C-alpha atoms as a PDB file:
ATOM      1  CA  UNK A   1       0.099  -0.128   0.064  1.00  0.00           C
ATOM      2  CA  UNK A   2       1.140   3.479  -0.577  1.00  0.00           C
ATOM      3  CA  UNK A   3       2.143   6.127   2.056  1.00  0.00           C
ATOM      4  CA  UNK A   4       1.274   9.667   2.140  1.00  0.00           C
ATOM      5  CA  UNK A   5       2.732  12.463   4.287  1.00  0.00           C
ATOM      6  CA  UNK A   6       0.783  15.562   4.911  1.00  0.00           C
ATOM      7  CA  UNK A   7       2.983  18.541   5.541  1.00  0.00           C
ATOM      8  CA  UNK A   8       1.915  22.159   6.924  1.00  0.00           C
ATOM      9  CA  UNK A   9      -1.415  20.940   7.925  1.00  0.00           C
ATOM     10  CA  UNK A  10      -3.057  23.821   9.891  1.00  0.00           C
ATOM     11  CA  UNK A  11      -3.181  23.612  13.458  1.00  0.00           C
ATOM     12  CA  UNK A  12      -7.020  23.938  13.802  1.00  0.00           C
ATOM     13  CA  UNK A  13      -7.095  20.825  11.327  1.00  0.00           C
ATOM     14  CA  UNK A  14      -4.990  18.800  13.260  1.00  0.00           C
ATOM     15  CA  UNK A  15      -6.451  19.587  16.596  1.00  0.00           C
ATOM     16  CA  UNK A  16     -10.014  18.566  15.283  1.00  0.00           C
ATOM     17  CA  UNK A  17      -8.473  15.389  13.703  1.00  0.00           C
ATOM     18  CA  UNK A  18      -6.988  14.629  16.903  1.00  0.00           C
ATOM     19  CA  UNK A  19     -10.442  15.210  18.719  1.00  0.00           C
ATOM     20  CA  UNK A  20     -12.423  13.231  16.170  1.00  0.00           C
ATOM     21  CA  UNK A  21     -10.120  10.466  16.376  1.00  0.00           C
ATOM     22  CA  UNK A  22     -10.307  10.464  20.242  1.00  0.00           C
ATOM     23  CA  UNK A  23     -13.986  10.683  20.367  1.00  0.00           C
ATOM     24  CA  UNK A  24     -14.302   7.570  18.311  1.00  0.00           C
ATOM     25  CA  UNK A  25     -11.673   5.573  20.026  1.00  0.00           C
ATOM     26  CA  UNK A  26      -9.570   5.495  16.738  1.00  0.00           C
ATOM     27  CA  UNK A  27      -6.140   6.419  15.606  1.00  0.00           C
ATOM     28  CA  UNK A  28      -5.634   9.731  13.668  1.00  0.00           C
ATOM     29  CA  UNK A  29      -4.256   7.651  10.618  1.00  0.00           C
ATOM     30  CA  UNK A  30      -7.544   5.668  10.713  1.00  0.00           C
ATOM     31  CA  UNK A  31      -9.608   8.638  10.858  1.00  0.00           C
ATOM     32  CA  UNK A  32      -7.583  10.445   8.116  1.00  0.00           C
ATOM     33  CA  UNK A  33      -7.597   7.540   5.909  1.00  0.00           C
ATOM     34  CA  UNK A  34     -11.331   7.320   6.002  1.00  0.00           C
ATOM     35  CA  UNK A  35     -11.750  10.881   5.320  1.00  0.00           C
ATOM     36  CA  UNK A  36      -9.522  10.771   2.404  1.00  0.00           C
ATOM     37  CA  UNK A  37     -11.478   7.676   0.842  1.00  0.00           C
ATOM     38  CA  UNK A  38     -14.810   9.143   1.414  1.00  0.00           C
ATOM     39  CA  UNK A  39     -13.563  12.512  -0.298  1.00  0.00           C
ATOM     40  CA  UNK A  40     -12.170  10.615  -3.389  1.00  0.00           C
ATOM     41  CA  UNK A  41     -15.168   8.248  -3.654  1.00  0.00           C
ATOM     42  CA  UNK A  42     -17.593  11.127  -3.468  1.00  0.00           C
ATOM     43  CA  UNK A  43     -15.753  13.280  -6.232  1.00  0.00           C
ATOM     44  CA  UNK A  44     -15.835  10.077  -8.581  1.00  0.00           C
ATOM     45  CA  UNK A  45     -19.565   9.846  -8.132  1.00  0.00           C
ATOM     46  CA  UNK A  46     -20.351  13.604  -8.959  1.00  0.00           C
ATOM     47  CA  UNK A  47     -18.336  13.133 -12.041  1.00  0.00           C
ATOM     48  CA  UNK A  48     -21.272  10.778 -13.367  1.00  0.00           C
ATOM     49  CA  UNK A  49     -24.082  12.255 -14.759  1.00  0.00           C
ATOM     50  CA  UNK A  50     -27.461  12.585 -12.881  1.00  0.00           C
ATOM     51  CA  UNK A  51     -29.090   9.768 -14.897  1.00  0.00           C
ATOM     52  CA  UNK A  52     -26.471   7.439 -14.245  1.00  0.00           C
ATOM     53  CA  UNK A  53     -26.352   7.880 -10.497  1.00  0.00           C
ATOM     54  CA  UNK A  54     -30.060   7.830 -10.163  1.00  0.00           C
ATOM     55  CA  UNK A  55     -30.076   4.626 -12.119  1.00  0.00           C
ATOM     56  CA  UNK A  56     -27.290   3.015 -10.066  1.00  0.00           C
ATOM     57  CA  UNK A  57     -29.161   4.257  -6.998  1.00  0.00           C
ATOM     58  CA  UNK A  58     -32.315   2.267  -7.936  1.00  0.00           C
ATOM     59  CA  UNK A  59     -30.862  -0.692  -9.848  1.00  0.00           C
ATOM     60  CA  UNK A  60     -31.503  -3.194  -7.104  1.00  0.00           C
ATOM     61  CA  UNK A  61     -35.193  -2.499  -7.198  1.00  0.00           C
ATOM     62  CA  UNK A  62     -37.457  -4.016  -9.708  1.00  0.00           C
ATOM     63  CA  UNK A  63     -40.524  -2.050 -10.965  1.00  0.00           C
ATOM     64  CA  UNK A  64     -43.853  -3.620 -10.093  1.00  0.00           C
ATOM     65  CA  UNK A  65     -45.468  -2.265 -13.079  1.00  0.00           C
ATOM     66  CA  UNK A  66     -44.829   0.006 -16.134  1.00  0.00           C
ATOM     67  CA  UNK A  67     -45.007   3.713 -15.606  1.00  0.00           C
ATOM     68  CA  UNK A  68     -47.510   5.444 -17.780  1.00  0.00           C
ATOM     69  CA  UNK A  69     -46.160   7.870 -20.388  1.00  0.00           C
ATOM     70  CA  UNK A  70     -46.531  11.536 -19.439  1.00  0.00           C
ATOM     71  CA  UNK A  71     -48.426  13.962 -21.817  1.00  0.00           C
ATOM     72  CA  UNK A  72     -46.096  16.241 -23.668  1.00  0.00           C
ATOM     73  CA  UNK A  73     -47.479  19.798 -24.967  1.00  0.00           C
ATOM     74  CA  UNK A  74     -49.189  19.367 -28.381  1.00  0.00           C
ATOM     75  CA  UNK A  75     -49.289  15.403 -28.016  1.00  0.00           C
ATOM     76  CA  UNK A  76     -52.233  13.611 -26.837  1.00  0.00           C
ATOM     77  CA  UNK A  77     -51.841  11.208 -23.863  1.00  0.00           C
ATOM     78  CA  UNK A  78     -50.608   7.858 -25.389  1.00  0.00           C
ATOM     79  CA  UNK A  79     -51.569   5.789 -22.665  1.00  0.00           C
ATOM     80  CA  UNK A  80     -55.030   7.376 -22.059  1.00  0.00           C
ATOM     81  CA  UNK A  81     -54.558   6.853 -18.305  1.00  0.00           C
ATOM     82  CA  UNK A  82     -53.408  10.256 -17.447  1.00  0.00           C
ATOM     83  CA  UNK A  83     -55.712  13.589 -18.045  1.00  0.00           C
ATOM     84  CA  UNK A  84     -54.165  16.107 -20.204  1.00  0.00           C
ATOM     85  CA  UNK A  85     -52.445  18.815 -18.488  1.00  0.00           C
ATOM     86  CA  UNK A  86     -52.896  22.200 -19.859  1.00  0.00           C
ATOM     87  CA  UNK A  87     -50.715  24.323 -17.458  1.00  0.00           C
ATOM     88  CA  UNK A  88     -47.905  21.761 -16.894  1.00  0.00           C
ATOM     89  CA  UNK A  89     -45.426  23.155 -19.236  1.00  0.00           C
END
């Protein structure tokens, strides 16, 4: 595994890191590692488009029925199950 040394860390950041580690009964190294991992993983997830993230979020769930088509301006409702929406758009 790779090693990283952080130099010139602000005193306040170091103090809070020490407090967080102590409050959770963990080492500073362990807490810092988790913070870095979470920051990197969140960044890589936001690089994906919204639709990709949404699809991944709901991928484990199977739909129980097909969703009806939504009416579009100037197009009649294809499914007939939804009323026309005059002021939606």
